[in-house]
Amino acid sequence: MSIVPEDKSEGTINAEELEFDDDPDPGNDGTGEEENEGEESGSEQTPPQEEPEPEPQPTPVPRPTRRRRQPNVLIGGEYTCQTSVPRINDIFEELQTIRLNKPNAIAILFRSLLDLLMGAYIDQKGLTETIKEAQVKEYVTANRKIEERLIKFLRERYTIEATPEEIKRELNLKEEVPARWTPSLGFMLKYFDDNADTLIPHASLREAFKSYMRQQETVTHSEFNAFVHNRFFRPDPAVLTEFWANFNPFITFLIDAITAEEEVQEDEVEEAE
């Protein structure tokens, strides 16, 4: 360390002219306060804390699309059948409880329900004799065709002349219904179709019934009969559901008509008493 000579004139040392070349820490005045303050201030300061990364949100699970629930029975609980014929009511209720995975039972019961309802409607409306006459007429018409074809065959092939009476007698062709005759389901459906204008008063229902009968020309003689009589026929639940969808308005009409007529008859009995 070097010292500048004293200024003798003043008798004092010029501090501005002092040089501390050998001092390793020029900024330190020897008290150590600056260093301590720096250390203290450094100890008081805390390093900035890093913000935590946001937790990943779970991917939402897509909700499965709800499928339209398929009916598990043929006739829903919103329909009712309360006629004076217990068997009709029982069959209707059974069709509301038997599941569609039992298609054979449903097919037979559905055919029976339609058969019994149409029969009850015909009896209630006093149409039994009329339908019997129509059945006999159909027998006669069918017999005439058989007789004509057979007479023509015998004449052309064997030159044998035969009369219709001889053919009828030889083939035992009948032109009358049995004593305990009841119309078949196929014949009743055909009769309703032929006479829908008088039997079905509702125009829209009448048109729907006739339209469906035209579309299903073999429904009365094929499908309905196969439900019971064809051992190789296996009814499909989808086909049964379609049958109910198409015949539902007609069946509802029959039930309502039978029930209304029964109520009228009950009122007449009460008035007579």
Protein backbone atom coordinates (compact mmCIF):
# COMPACT_ATOMS: atom_id res chain seq x y z
CA MET A 1 0.00 0.00 0.00
CA SER A 2 1.36 3.48 -0.91
CA ILE A 3 0.64 6.74 0.86
CA VAL A 4 0.63 10.06 -0.86
CA PRO A 5 2.85 12.60 1.03
CA GLU A 6 1.14 14.84 3.44
CA ASP A 7 0.15 18.31 2.44
CA LYS A 8 2.33 20.30 4.80
CA SER A 9 0.59 23.53 4.09
CA GLU A 10 -2.60 22.35 5.51
CA GLY A 11 -1.18 19.85 7.99
CA THR A 12 -3.74 17.36 6.95
CA ILE A 13 -3.86 14.30 4.76
CA ASN A 14 -5.72 14.59 1.48
CA ALA A 15 -7.88 11.47 1.64
CA GLU A 16 -8.88 11.81 -2.01
CA GLU A 17 -5.31 11.23 -3.01
CA LEU A 18 -4.95 8.02 -1.01
CA GLU A 19 -4.68 4.86 -3.12
CA PHE A 20 -5.22 1.42 -1.67
CA ASP A 21 -3.64 -0.62 -4.42
CA ASP A 22 -3.02 -3.67 -2.27
CA ASP A 23 -6.50 -3.96 -0.70
CA PRO A 24 -8.12 -7.15 -2.07
CA ASP A 25 -11.60 -5.81 -1.36
CA PRO A 26 -11.85 -2.16 -2.29
CA GLY A 27 -15.50 -1.97 -1.54
CA ASN A 28 -15.01 -3.13 2.03
CA ASP A 29 -14.50 -0.31 4.51
CA GLY A 30 -13.23 -2.72 7.13
CA THR A 31 -16.37 -2.84 9.16
CA GLY A 32 -17.84 -5.99 7.44
CA GLU A 33 -21.31 -4.55 7.64
CA GLU A 34 -21.92 -4.67 3.91
CA GLU A 35 -20.97 -8.30 3.69
CA ASN A 36 -23.13 -9.18 6.64
CA GLU A 37 -26.05 -7.25 5.26
CA GLY A 38 -25.65 -9.06 1.95
CA GLU A 39 -25.55 -12.36 3.69
CA GLU A 40 -28.57 -11.45 5.81
CA SER A 41 -30.54 -10.20 2.85
CA GLY A 42 -29.59 -13.30 0.92
CA SER A 43 -30.80 -15.50 3.74
CA GLU A 44 -34.12 -13.72 3.95
CA GLN A 45 -34.91 -14.08 0.23
CA THR A 46 -36.58 -17.39 -0.75
CA PRO A 47 -36.27 -18.85 -4.20
CA PRO A 48 -39.48 -18.61 -6.32
CA GLN A 49 -41.61 -21.70 -6.05
CA GLU A 50 -42.59 -23.41 -9.25
CA GLU A 51 -46.31 -23.73 -9.87
CA PRO A 52 -47.44 -27.36 -9.80
CA GLU A 53 -48.45 -28.78 -13.12
CA PRO A 54 -52.23 -29.30 -13.41
CA GLU A 55 -53.33 -32.83 -12.88
CA PRO A 56 -54.49 -34.52 -16.09
CA GLN A 57 -58.26 -34.69 -16.32
CA PRO A 58 -59.70 -38.15 -16.91
CA THR A 59 -61.10 -38.70 -20.38
CA PRO A 60 -64.89 -38.80 -20.14
CA VAL A 61 -66.33 -42.18 -20.95
CA PRO A 62 -68.82 -41.86 -23.83
CA ARG A 63 -72.33 -42.87 -22.88
CA PRO A 64 -73.66 -45.76 -24.88
CA THR A 65 -76.43 -44.90 -27.30
CA ARG A 66 -79.73 -46.15 -25.96
CA ARG A 67 -81.37 -48.56 -28.28
CA ARG A 68 -85.08 -48.56 -28.63
CA ARG A 69 -86.38 -51.25 -26.35
CA GLN A 70 -88.01 -54.01 -28.28
CA PRO A 71 -91.29 -55.36 -26.94
CA ASN A 72 -90.90 -58.69 -25.16
CA VAL A 73 -94.58 -59.66 -25.39
CA LEU A 74 -97.01 -59.56 -28.29
CA ILE A 75 -99.76 -57.44 -26.70
CA GLY A 76 -98.82 -54.59 -24.40
CA GLY A 77 -100.46 -53.86 -21.07
CA GLU A 78 -102.20 -50.77 -22.44
CA TYR A 79 -104.77 -53.01 -24.15
CA THR A 80 -107.66 -54.64 -22.33
CA CYS A 81 -110.25 -57.26 -23.17
CA GLN A 82 -113.29 -57.70 -20.94
CA THR A 83 -115.98 -59.63 -22.77
CA SER A 84 -118.58 -62.01 -21.40
CA VAL A 85 -116.59 -64.94 -22.85
CA PRO A 86 -114.02 -65.95 -20.19
CA ARG A 87 -111.88 -67.95 -22.61
CA ILE A 88 -111.41 -64.94 -24.88
CA ASN A 89 -110.36 -62.82 -21.91
CA ASP A 90 -107.98 -65.51 -20.66
CA ILE A 91 -106.28 -65.93 -24.05
CA PHE A 92 -105.90 -62.17 -24.37
CA GLU A 93 -104.27 -61.93 -20.94
CA GLU A 94 -101.96 -64.86 -21.67
CA LEU A 95 -100.76 -63.11 -24.82
CA GLN A 96 -99.81 -60.18 -22.57
CA THR A 97 -97.61 -62.38 -20.37
CA ILE A 98 -96.00 -64.95 -22.69
CA ARG A 99 -92.68 -63.66 -23.98
CA LEU A 100 -91.90 -63.57 -27.69
CA ASN A 101 -89.22 -66.22 -27.22
CA LYS A 102 -92.13 -68.68 -27.09
CA PRO A 103 -93.39 -68.09 -30.64
CA ASN A 104 -95.24 -71.40 -31.05
CA ALA A 105 -97.47 -70.78 -28.04
CA ILE A 106 -98.08 -67.19 -29.15
CA ALA A 107 -98.91 -68.20 -32.74
CA ILE A 108 -101.52 -70.75 -31.67
CA LEU A 109 -103.07 -68.43 -29.08
CA PHE A 110 -103.16 -65.49 -31.47
CA ARG A 111 -104.94 -67.57 -34.11
CA SER A 112 -107.40 -68.81 -31.49
CA LEU A 113 -108.05 -65.27 -30.24
CA LEU A 114 -108.90 -63.99 -33.71
CA ASP A 115 -111.05 -67.05 -34.44
CA LEU A 116 -113.04 -66.78 -31.21
CA LEU A 117 -113.50 -63.01 -31.46
CA MET A 118 -114.85 -63.21 -35.00
CA GLY A 119 -117.13 -66.07 -34.05
CA ALA A 120 -118.47 -64.13 -31.05
CA TYR A 121 -119.06 -61.05 -33.19
CA ILE A 122 -120.92 -63.09 -35.82
CA ASP A 123 -123.13 -64.76 -33.18
CA GLN A 124 -123.86 -61.47 -31.48
CA LYS A 125 -124.85 -59.80 -34.73
CA GLY A 126 -127.08 -62.75 -35.72
CA LEU A 127 -125.00 -63.55 -38.79
CA THR A 128 -124.53 -67.28 -38.22
CA GLU A 129 -127.23 -68.41 -40.66
CA THR A 130 -126.12 -65.88 -43.24
CA ILE A 131 -122.57 -67.14 -43.12
CA LYS A 132 -123.77 -70.74 -43.24
CA GLU A 133 -125.66 -70.00 -46.44
CA ALA A 134 -122.57 -68.34 -47.86
CA GLN A 135 -120.55 -71.44 -46.96
CA VAL A 136 -123.05 -73.74 -48.68
CA LYS A 137 -122.98 -71.51 -51.74
CA GLU A 138 -119.21 -71.83 -51.83
CA TYR A 139 -119.51 -75.62 -51.63
CA VAL A 140 -121.94 -75.66 -54.53
CA THR A 141 -119.73 -73.40 -56.63
CA ALA A 142 -116.71 -75.61 -55.97
CA ASN A 143 -118.72 -78.75 -56.77
CA ARG A 144 -119.94 -77.33 -60.09
CA LYS A 145 -116.35 -76.73 -61.16
CA ILE A 146 -115.39 -80.30 -60.25
CA GLU A 147 -118.38 -81.75 -62.11
CA GLU A 148 -117.74 -79.71 -65.24
CA ARG A 149 -114.06 -80.64 -65.39
CA LEU A 150 -114.72 -84.33 -64.78
CA ILE A 151 -117.53 -84.53 -67.35
CA LYS A 152 -115.30 -82.89 -69.93
CA PHE A 153 -112.44 -85.26 -69.11
CA LEU A 154 -114.58 -88.40 -69.44
CA ARG A 155 -116.07 -87.24 -72.72
CA GLU A 156 -112.79 -86.28 -74.36
CA ARG A 157 -110.64 -89.14 -73.09
CA TYR A 158 -113.08 -92.07 -72.93
CA THR A 159 -116.12 -90.79 -74.88
CA ILE A 160 -118.22 -91.39 -71.79
CA GLU A 161 -121.20 -89.19 -71.25
CA ALA A 162 -122.02 -88.46 -67.61
CA THR A 163 -124.45 -86.16 -65.90
CA PRO A 164 -123.67 -83.84 -62.98
CA GLU A 165 -125.91 -85.94 -60.75
CA GLU A 166 -123.91 -89.08 -61.56
CA ILE A 167 -120.64 -87.34 -60.86
CA LYS A 168 -121.95 -85.95 -57.60
CA ARG A 169 -123.19 -89.35 -56.52
CA GLU A 170 -120.00 -91.17 -57.46
CA LEU A 171 -117.72 -88.65 -55.80
CA ASN A 172 -120.02 -88.15 -52.82
CA LEU A 173 -119.94 -84.38 -53.23
CA LYS A 174 -121.83 -82.69 -50.42
CA GLU A 175 -123.66 -79.42 -50.70
CA GLU A 176 -124.57 -78.90 -47.10
CA VAL A 177 -122.68 -78.11 -43.93
CA PRO A 178 -122.31 -80.62 -41.08
CA ALA A 179 -124.74 -80.47 -38.18
CA ARG A 180 -122.11 -79.11 -35.78
CA TRP A 181 -120.61 -76.78 -38.35
CA THR A 182 -118.70 -73.67 -37.40
CA PRO A 183 -117.15 -71.36 -39.98
CA SER A 184 -113.40 -71.59 -40.40
CA LEU A 185 -111.18 -68.62 -39.66
CA GLY A 186 -110.25 -68.34 -43.32
CA PHE A 187 -113.89 -68.27 -44.40
CA MET A 188 -114.81 -65.67 -41.77
CA LEU A 189 -111.95 -63.40 -42.85
CA LYS A 190 -113.01 -63.78 -46.47
CA TYR A 191 -116.63 -63.04 -45.55
CA PHE A 192 -115.60 -59.88 -43.68
CA ASP A 193 -113.47 -58.84 -46.63
CA ASP A 194 -116.32 -59.37 -49.11
CA ASN A 195 -118.87 -57.61 -46.87
CA ALA A 196 -116.68 -55.01 -45.21
CA ASP A 197 -118.96 -52.14 -46.23
CA THR A 198 -121.73 -53.43 -43.97
CA LEU A 199 -119.71 -55.20 -41.26
CA ILE A 200 -117.03 -52.56 -40.58
CA PRO A 201 -118.65 -49.13 -40.16
CA HIS A 202 -115.41 -47.15 -39.74
CA ALA A 203 -114.17 -46.10 -43.17
CA SER A 204 -110.49 -45.84 -42.26
CA LEU A 205 -110.50 -49.21 -40.49
CA ARG A 206 -112.39 -50.80 -43.36
CA GLU A 207 -109.88 -49.53 -45.91
CA ALA A 208 -106.93 -50.67 -43.79
CA PHE A 209 -108.42 -54.15 -43.31
CA LYS A 210 -109.19 -54.64 -46.99
CA SER A 211 -105.80 -53.30 -48.01
CA TYR A 212 -104.00 -55.72 -45.73
CA MET A 213 -106.11 -58.63 -46.95
CA ARG A 214 -105.22 -57.75 -50.53
CA GLN A 215 -101.52 -57.63 -49.71
CA GLN A 216 -101.66 -60.96 -47.90
CA GLU A 217 -103.72 -63.06 -50.27
CA THR A 218 -102.55 -66.31 -48.67
CA VAL A 219 -102.68 -65.13 -45.07
CA THR A 220 -105.98 -66.89 -44.28
CA HIS A 221 -105.12 -70.21 -45.88
CA SER A 222 -101.38 -70.36 -45.38
CA GLU A 223 -99.96 -68.51 -42.43
CA PHE A 224 -102.84 -68.83 -39.97
CA ASN A 225 -103.35 -72.50 -40.82
CA ALA A 226 -99.61 -73.12 -40.59
CA PHE A 227 -99.62 -71.73 -37.07
CA VAL A 228 -101.48 -74.87 -35.98
CA HIS A 229 -101.44 -77.52 -38.68
CA ASN A 230 -98.00 -77.39 -40.32
CA ARG A 231 -95.43 -79.29 -38.28
CA PHE A 232 -92.56 -77.85 -40.34
CA PHE A 233 -93.60 -74.23 -39.94
CA ARG A 234 -91.68 -72.24 -37.33
CA PRO A 235 -93.31 -68.90 -36.52
CA ASP A 236 -90.92 -66.01 -36.24
CA PRO A 237 -91.37 -63.40 -33.46
CA ALA A 238 -90.94 -60.59 -35.99
CA VAL A 239 -93.70 -62.06 -38.17
CA LEU A 240 -95.99 -62.40 -35.15
CA THR A 241 -95.33 -58.79 -34.19
CA GLU A 242 -96.21 -57.71 -37.72
CA PHE A 243 -99.44 -59.71 -37.59
CA TRP A 244 -100.43 -58.00 -34.36
CA ALA A 245 -99.53 -54.56 -35.73
CA ASN A 246 -101.78 -55.12 -38.75
CA PHE A 247 -104.67 -56.88 -37.01
CA ASN A 248 -104.58 -54.84 -33.82
CA PRO A 249 -107.11 -52.21 -35.02
CA PHE A 250 -109.46 -54.92 -36.29
CA ILE A 251 -109.20 -56.96 -33.07
CA THR A 252 -109.77 -53.83 -30.99
CA PHE A 253 -112.84 -53.08 -33.11
CA LEU A 254 -114.22 -56.59 -32.49
CA ILE A 255 -113.64 -56.34 -28.72
CA ASP A 256 -115.25 -52.89 -28.50
CA ALA A 257 -118.23 -53.96 -30.60
CA ILE A 258 -118.81 -57.14 -28.55
CA THR A 259 -118.46 -55.26 -25.25
CA ALA A 260 -120.80 -52.46 -26.36
CA GLU A 261 -123.45 -54.95 -27.47
CA GLU A 262 -123.19 -56.80 -24.15
CA GLU A 263 -123.70 -53.55 -22.24
CA VAL A 264 -126.79 -52.79 -24.31
CA GLN A 265 -128.19 -56.22 -23.60
CA GLU A 266 -127.55 -55.82 -19.87
CA ASP A 267 -129.33 -52.47 -19.85
CA GLU A 268 -132.32 -53.99 -21.63
CA VAL A 269 -132.49 -56.80 -19.06
CA GLU A 270 -132.39 -54.33 -16.20
CA GLU A 271 -135.14 -52.21 -17.75
CA ALA A 272 -137.30 -55.30 -18.25
CA GLU A 273 -136.93 -56.23 -14.60
